[in-house]
Amino acid sequence: MIYLIAAYLVFFLHLAFIAFVPLGGLLVLRRRKWAWIHVPVFLWGSGISFGGWICPLTPLENLLREKGGELGYSGGFIDHYLVPIIYPAGLTRTHQYLMGAGVLLFNLAVYTIAFRQKK
């Protein structure tokens, strides 16, 4: 049972991390110090996405699920949980690049606004 609880904790941590990648820049508008946390998270999340890699949290969640008696899943966290929900059928790698570029441009705009404001 402890393994399944740990697997679900990893799941929620992973989900929070994924939400923080595109939206964490909004916290920088409030306090610039958030940039010290958001920039590395954003770079890591972007690298995973653009590189087509699997985040290390995915195999950890799978391992914990298997030790808890459940089945793991193949592919990455986003492919398994989020693609069926938020990505339309027929999504291509080009579409993924465009969405990634959109997130990048959004955060660039947020950071530009945040750092052009007077202290």
N, C-alpha and C. Protein backbone atom coordinates (compact mmCIF):
# COMPACT_ATOMS: atom_id res chain seq x y z
N MET A 1 0.82 -1.20 0.00
CA MET A 1 0.00 0.00 0.00
C MET A 1 0.87 1.27 0.00
N ILE A 2 1.99 1.22 0.69
CA ILE A 2 2.86 2.39 0.77
C ILE A 2 3.41 2.76 -0.61
N TYR A 3 3.65 1.74 -1.44
CA TYR A 3 4.15 2.00 -2.79
C TYR A 3 3.10 2.72 -3.64
N LEU A 4 1.84 2.33 -3.50
CA LEU A 4 0.78 2.99 -4.27
C LEU A 4 0.58 4.43 -3.81
N ILE A 5 0.68 4.65 -2.52
CA ILE A 5 0.58 6.03 -2.02
C ILE A 5 1.73 6.87 -2.58
N ALA A 6 2.92 6.30 -2.56
CA ALA A 6 4.09 7.00 -3.11
C ALA A 6 3.91 7.25 -4.61
N ALA A 7 3.35 6.27 -5.33
CA ALA A 7 3.12 6.43 -6.77
C ALA A 7 2.16 7.59 -7.02
N TYR A 8 1.12 7.69 -6.22
CA TYR A 8 0.16 8.79 -6.39
C TYR A 8 0.78 10.14 -6.00
N LEU A 9 1.65 10.14 -5.02
CA LEU A 9 2.35 11.38 -4.67
C LEU A 9 3.25 11.83 -5.83
N VAL A 10 3.94 10.88 -6.44
CA VAL A 10 4.77 11.20 -7.60
C VAL A 10 3.89 11.71 -8.74
N PHE A 11 2.73 11.07 -8.94
CA PHE A 11 1.79 11.51 -9.97
C PHE A 11 1.40 12.98 -9.76
N PHE A 12 0.99 13.35 -8.55
CA PHE A 12 0.56 14.71 -8.28
C PHE A 12 1.72 15.71 -8.35
N LEU A 13 2.90 15.30 -7.92
CA LEU A 13 4.09 16.13 -8.07
C LEU A 13 4.37 16.38 -9.55
N HIS A 14 4.28 15.33 -10.34
CA HIS A 14 4.52 15.42 -11.78
C HIS A 14 3.49 16.35 -12.43
N LEU A 15 2.25 16.21 -12.05
CA LEU A 15 1.19 17.05 -12.59
C LEU A 15 1.42 18.52 -12.23
N ALA A 16 1.79 18.78 -10.98
CA ALA A 16 2.07 20.15 -10.55
C ALA A 16 3.27 20.72 -11.31
N PHE A 17 4.29 19.90 -11.51
CA PHE A 17 5.47 20.32 -12.26
C PHE A 17 5.07 20.72 -13.68
N ILE A 18 4.25 19.89 -14.33
CA ILE A 18 3.83 20.16 -15.70
C ILE A 18 3.01 21.44 -15.76
N ALA A 19 2.17 21.69 -14.79
CA ALA A 19 1.38 22.94 -14.77
C ALA A 19 2.27 24.15 -14.52
N PHE A 20 3.31 23.96 -13.72
CA PHE A 20 4.21 25.06 -13.38
C PHE A 20 5.07 25.49 -14.58
N VAL A 21 5.35 24.55 -15.49
CA VAL A 21 6.19 24.88 -16.65
C VAL A 21 5.58 26.02 -17.46
N PRO A 22 4.33 25.92 -17.93
CA PRO A 22 3.80 27.03 -18.72
C PRO A 22 3.27 28.19 -17.89
N LEU A 23 2.80 27.91 -16.67
CA LEU A 23 2.10 28.94 -15.89
C LEU A 23 2.93 29.58 -14.79
N GLY A 24 4.07 29.01 -14.46
CA GLY A 24 4.89 29.54 -13.37
C GLY A 24 5.39 30.95 -13.62
N GLY A 25 5.53 31.32 -14.88
CA GLY A 25 5.95 32.67 -15.21
C GLY A 25 4.99 33.72 -14.69
N LEU A 26 3.73 33.35 -14.54
CA LEU A 26 2.75 34.30 -14.01
C LEU A 26 3.08 34.70 -12.57
N LEU A 27 3.71 33.80 -11.82
CA LEU A 27 4.14 34.13 -10.46
C LEU A 27 5.25 35.18 -10.47
N VAL A 28 6.01 35.20 -11.55
CA VAL A 28 7.10 36.19 -11.68
C VAL A 28 6.51 37.60 -11.77
N LEU A 29 5.31 37.72 -12.32
CA LEU A 29 4.66 39.03 -12.36
C LEU A 29 4.41 39.55 -10.95
N ARG A 30 4.17 38.64 -10.03
CA ARG A 30 3.89 38.99 -8.63
C ARG A 30 5.18 39.27 -7.86
N ARG A 31 6.12 38.34 -7.97
CA ARG A 31 7.41 38.45 -7.31
C ARG A 31 8.48 37.91 -8.25
N ARG A 32 9.42 38.76 -8.57
CA ARG A 32 10.48 38.38 -9.51
C ARG A 32 11.33 37.22 -9.02
N LYS A 33 11.38 37.02 -7.72
CA LYS A 33 12.20 35.93 -7.16
C LYS A 33 11.74 34.56 -7.64
N TRP A 34 10.50 34.44 -8.08
CA TRP A 34 10.00 33.17 -8.61
C TRP A 34 10.78 32.75 -9.85
N ALA A 35 11.40 33.70 -10.52
CA ALA A 35 12.16 33.37 -11.73
C ALA A 35 13.29 32.38 -11.42
N TRP A 36 13.87 32.46 -10.23
CA TRP A 36 14.96 31.55 -9.85
C TRP A 36 14.49 30.10 -9.81
N ILE A 37 13.22 29.91 -9.55
CA ILE A 37 12.66 28.54 -9.53
C ILE A 37 12.10 28.20 -10.91
N HIS A 38 11.37 29.16 -11.48
CA HIS A 38 10.66 28.87 -12.73
C HIS A 38 11.59 28.66 -13.92
N VAL A 39 12.63 29.44 -14.07
CA VAL A 39 13.49 29.32 -15.25
C VAL A 39 14.09 27.91 -15.38
N PRO A 40 14.70 27.35 -14.33
CA PRO A 40 15.23 25.98 -14.50
C PRO A 40 14.12 24.95 -14.77
N VAL A 41 12.98 25.11 -14.10
CA VAL A 41 11.87 24.19 -14.32
C VAL A 41 11.38 24.31 -15.76
N PHE A 42 11.26 25.54 -16.22
CA PHE A 42 10.80 25.78 -17.59
C PHE A 42 11.78 25.19 -18.61
N LEU A 43 13.08 25.39 -18.37
CA LEU A 43 14.09 24.86 -19.29
C LEU A 43 14.07 23.33 -19.31
N TRP A 44 13.94 22.74 -18.14
CA TRP A 44 13.88 21.27 -18.05
C TRP A 44 12.63 20.75 -18.77
N GLY A 45 11.48 21.34 -18.47
CA GLY A 45 10.23 20.90 -19.10
C GLY A 45 10.26 21.09 -20.61
N SER A 46 10.82 22.19 -21.06
CA SER A 46 10.94 22.44 -22.50
C SER A 46 11.87 21.43 -23.15
N GLY A 47 12.98 21.15 -22.48
CA GLY A 47 13.93 20.17 -23.01
C GLY A 47 13.31 18.80 -23.15
N ILE A 48 12.55 18.40 -22.15
CA ILE A 48 11.86 17.10 -22.19
C ILE A 48 10.89 17.08 -23.37
N SER A 49 10.15 18.16 -23.51
CA SER A 49 9.12 18.23 -24.55
C SER A 49 9.73 18.30 -25.95
N PHE A 50 10.65 19.23 -26.16
CA PHE A 50 11.24 19.39 -27.49
C PHE A 50 12.15 18.22 -27.85
N GLY A 51 12.80 17.63 -26.84
CA GLY A 51 13.70 16.52 -27.11
C GLY A 51 13.00 15.18 -27.26
N GLY A 52 11.72 15.13 -26.89
CA GLY A 52 10.97 13.88 -26.98
C GLY A 52 11.43 12.86 -25.94
N TRP A 53 12.01 13.34 -24.85
CA TRP A 53 12.52 12.46 -23.81
C TRP A 53 11.41 12.10 -22.82
N ILE A 54 11.72 11.18 -21.95
CA ILE A 54 10.80 10.80 -20.87
C ILE A 54 11.36 11.35 -19.57
N CYS A 55 10.53 12.05 -18.83
CA CYS A 55 10.93 12.62 -17.54
C CYS A 55 11.26 11.49 -16.57
N PRO A 56 12.27 11.65 -15.74
CA PRO A 56 12.63 10.62 -14.76
C PRO A 56 11.53 10.30 -13.76
N LEU A 57 10.57 11.19 -13.60
CA LEU A 57 9.47 10.89 -12.68
C LEU A 57 8.56 9.79 -13.21
N THR A 58 8.51 9.62 -14.53
CA THR A 58 7.65 8.59 -15.13
C THR A 58 8.12 7.19 -14.75
N PRO A 59 9.40 6.84 -14.96
CA PRO A 59 9.83 5.50 -14.54
C PRO A 59 9.71 5.30 -13.02
N LEU A 60 9.90 6.37 -12.25
CA LEU A 60 9.74 6.26 -10.80
C LEU A 60 8.30 5.92 -10.45
N GLU A 61 7.35 6.60 -11.06
CA GLU A 61 5.93 6.31 -10.81
C GLU A 61 5.61 4.87 -11.21
N ASN A 62 6.10 4.45 -12.38
CA ASN A 62 5.86 3.08 -12.84
C ASN A 62 6.43 2.04 -11.89
N LEU A 63 7.65 2.29 -11.43
CA LEU A 63 8.29 1.37 -10.49
C LEU A 63 7.46 1.24 -9.21
N LEU A 64 7.03 2.38 -8.68
CA LEU A 64 6.23 2.35 -7.45
C LEU A 64 4.89 1.66 -7.67
N ARG A 65 4.27 1.88 -8.82
CA ARG A 65 3.00 1.21 -9.12
C ARG A 65 3.20 -0.30 -9.20
N GLU A 66 4.27 -0.72 -9.88
CA GLU A 66 4.53 -2.15 -10.01
C GLU A 66 4.82 -2.79 -8.66
N LYS A 67 5.59 -2.11 -7.82
CA LYS A 67 5.87 -2.64 -6.48
C LYS A 67 4.60 -2.69 -5.62
N GLY A 68 3.64 -1.82 -5.95
CA GLY A 68 2.37 -1.81 -5.25
C GLY A 68 1.34 -2.76 -5.82
N GLY A 69 1.74 -3.51 -6.86
CA GLY A 69 0.84 -4.51 -7.42
C GLY A 69 0.01 -4.03 -8.60
N GLU A 70 0.23 -2.81 -9.06
CA GLU A 70 -0.49 -2.31 -10.23
C GLU A 70 0.41 -2.41 -11.46
N LEU A 71 -0.19 -2.20 -12.60
CA LEU A 71 0.58 -2.19 -13.84
C LEU A 71 1.14 -0.79 -14.08
N GLY A 72 2.33 -0.73 -14.60
CA GLY A 72 2.89 0.54 -15.04
C GLY A 72 2.33 0.87 -16.41
N TYR A 73 2.90 1.83 -17.08
CA TYR A 73 2.45 2.18 -18.43
C TYR A 73 3.67 2.50 -19.27
N SER A 74 3.49 2.37 -20.58
CA SER A 74 4.60 2.68 -21.49
C SER A 74 4.50 4.13 -21.92
N GLY A 75 5.60 4.67 -22.43
CA GLY A 75 5.62 6.06 -22.86
C GLY A 75 5.78 6.98 -21.67
N GLY A 76 5.57 8.25 -21.92
CA GLY A 76 5.75 9.25 -20.89
C GLY A 76 4.45 9.60 -20.18
N PHE A 77 4.60 10.36 -19.12
CA PHE A 77 3.48 10.83 -18.30
C PHE A 77 2.45 11.57 -19.15
N ILE A 78 2.93 12.50 -19.96
CA ILE A 78 2.03 13.31 -20.78
C ILE A 78 1.30 12.42 -21.79
N ASP A 79 2.05 11.51 -22.43
CA ASP A 79 1.42 10.60 -23.39
C ASP A 79 0.34 9.76 -22.74
N HIS A 80 0.60 9.30 -21.54
CA HIS A 80 -0.34 8.39 -20.88
C HIS A 80 -1.55 9.11 -20.30
N TYR A 81 -1.33 10.19 -19.58
CA TYR A 81 -2.41 10.85 -18.86
C TYR A 81 -3.03 12.05 -19.59
N LEU A 82 -2.18 12.88 -20.20
CA LEU A 82 -2.68 14.15 -20.70
C LEU A 82 -3.04 14.16 -22.18
N VAL A 83 -2.31 13.43 -22.99
CA VAL A 83 -2.59 13.44 -24.43
C VAL A 83 -4.04 13.07 -24.72
N PRO A 84 -4.56 11.99 -24.12
CA PRO A 84 -5.96 11.66 -24.42
C PRO A 84 -6.96 12.74 -23.99
N ILE A 85 -6.57 13.58 -23.05
CA ILE A 85 -7.49 14.60 -22.54
C ILE A 85 -7.35 15.93 -23.29
N ILE A 86 -6.12 16.41 -23.45
CA ILE A 86 -5.96 17.78 -23.96
C ILE A 86 -5.47 17.89 -25.39
N TYR A 87 -4.95 16.83 -25.95
CA TYR A 87 -4.47 16.91 -27.32
C TYR A 87 -5.46 16.25 -28.26
N PRO A 88 -5.75 16.89 -29.37
CA PRO A 88 -6.71 16.32 -30.32
C PRO A 88 -6.12 15.10 -31.05
N ALA A 89 -7.02 14.29 -31.59
CA ALA A 89 -6.58 13.14 -32.38
C ALA A 89 -5.81 13.65 -33.59
N GLY A 90 -4.81 12.92 -33.99
CA GLY A 90 -4.04 13.31 -35.16
C GLY A 90 -2.97 14.35 -34.88
N LEU A 91 -2.65 14.56 -33.62
CA LEU A 91 -1.62 15.53 -33.25
C LEU A 91 -0.28 15.07 -33.81
N THR A 92 0.41 15.96 -34.51
CA THR A 92 1.71 15.62 -35.08
C THR A 92 2.83 16.24 -34.26
N ARG A 93 4.03 15.82 -34.55
CA ARG A 93 5.21 16.38 -33.87
C ARG A 93 5.31 17.88 -34.17
N THR A 94 4.92 18.27 -35.38
CA THR A 94 4.93 19.70 -35.75
C THR A 94 3.98 20.48 -34.85
N HIS A 95 2.80 19.92 -34.60
CA HIS A 95 1.85 20.58 -33.70
C HIS A 95 2.45 20.72 -32.30
N GLN A 96 3.14 19.68 -31.85
CA GLN A 96 3.75 19.73 -30.53
C GLN A 96 4.81 20.83 -30.47
N TYR A 97 5.60 20.96 -31.53
CA TYR A 97 6.60 22.03 -31.58
C TYR A 97 5.93 23.39 -31.54
N LEU A 98 4.84 23.54 -32.27
CA LEU A 98 4.13 24.81 -32.29
C LEU A 98 3.55 25.15 -30.92
N MET A 99 3.00 24.14 -30.24
CA MET A 99 2.46 24.38 -28.89
C MET A 99 3.60 24.73 -27.93
N GLY A 100 4.72 24.03 -28.06
CA GLY A 100 5.88 24.35 -27.23
C GLY A 100 6.37 25.76 -27.48
N ALA A 101 6.40 26.16 -28.75
CA ALA A 101 6.82 27.52 -29.10
C ALA A 101 5.83 28.54 -28.54
N GLY A 102 4.55 28.19 -28.53
CA GLY A 102 3.54 29.08 -27.95
C GLY A 102 3.77 29.29 -26.46
N VAL A 103 4.07 28.21 -25.75
CA VAL A 103 4.35 28.31 -24.32
C VAL A 103 5.61 29.14 -24.09
N LEU A 104 6.60 28.93 -24.93
CA LEU A 104 7.85 29.69 -24.84
C LEU A 104 7.59 31.18 -25.06
N LEU A 105 6.83 31.53 -26.09
CA LEU A 105 6.53 32.93 -26.37
C LEU A 105 5.68 33.56 -25.27
N PHE A 106 4.73 32.80 -24.74
CA PHE A 106 3.90 33.30 -23.64
C PHE A 106 4.77 33.67 -22.45
N ASN A 107 5.68 32.76 -22.07
CA ASN A 107 6.55 33.04 -20.92
C ASN A 107 7.54 34.16 -21.22
N LEU A 108 8.00 34.26 -22.44
CA LEU A 108 8.87 35.37 -22.81
C LEU A 108 8.14 36.70 -22.63
N ALA A 109 6.89 36.75 -23.04
CA ALA A 109 6.08 37.97 -22.87
C ALA A 109 5.87 38.28 -21.39
N VAL A 110 5.58 37.26 -20.59
CA VAL A 110 5.37 37.46 -19.16
C VAL A 110 6.64 37.98 -18.50
N TYR A 111 7.78 37.39 -18.84
CA TYR A 111 9.05 37.84 -18.25
C TYR A 111 9.40 39.25 -18.71
N THR A 112 9.11 39.56 -19.95
CA THR A 112 9.36 40.91 -20.44
C THR A 112 8.55 41.93 -19.64
N ILE A 113 7.28 41.64 -19.44
CA ILE A 113 6.42 42.52 -18.64
C ILE A 113 6.94 42.62 -17.21
N ALA A 114 7.26 41.47 -16.62
CA ALA A 114 7.69 41.44 -15.23
C ALA A 114 8.96 42.25 -14.99
N PHE A 115 9.90 42.16 -15.90
CA PHE A 115 11.17 42.82 -15.68
C PHE A 115 11.24 44.23 -16.23
N ARG A 116 10.21 44.65 -16.92
CA ARG A 116 10.13 46.05 -17.36
C ARG A 116 9.36 46.90 -16.36
N GLN A 117 8.64 46.26 -15.46
CA GLN A 117 7.92 47.01 -14.43
C GLN A 117 8.92 47.64 -13.48
N LYS A 118 8.54 48.78 -12.95
CA LYS A 118 9.40 49.43 -11.95
C LYS A 118 9.39 48.62 -10.67
N LYS A 119 10.50 48.68 -9.96
CA LYS A 119 10.60 47.94 -8.69
C LYS A 119 9.71 48.52 -7.63
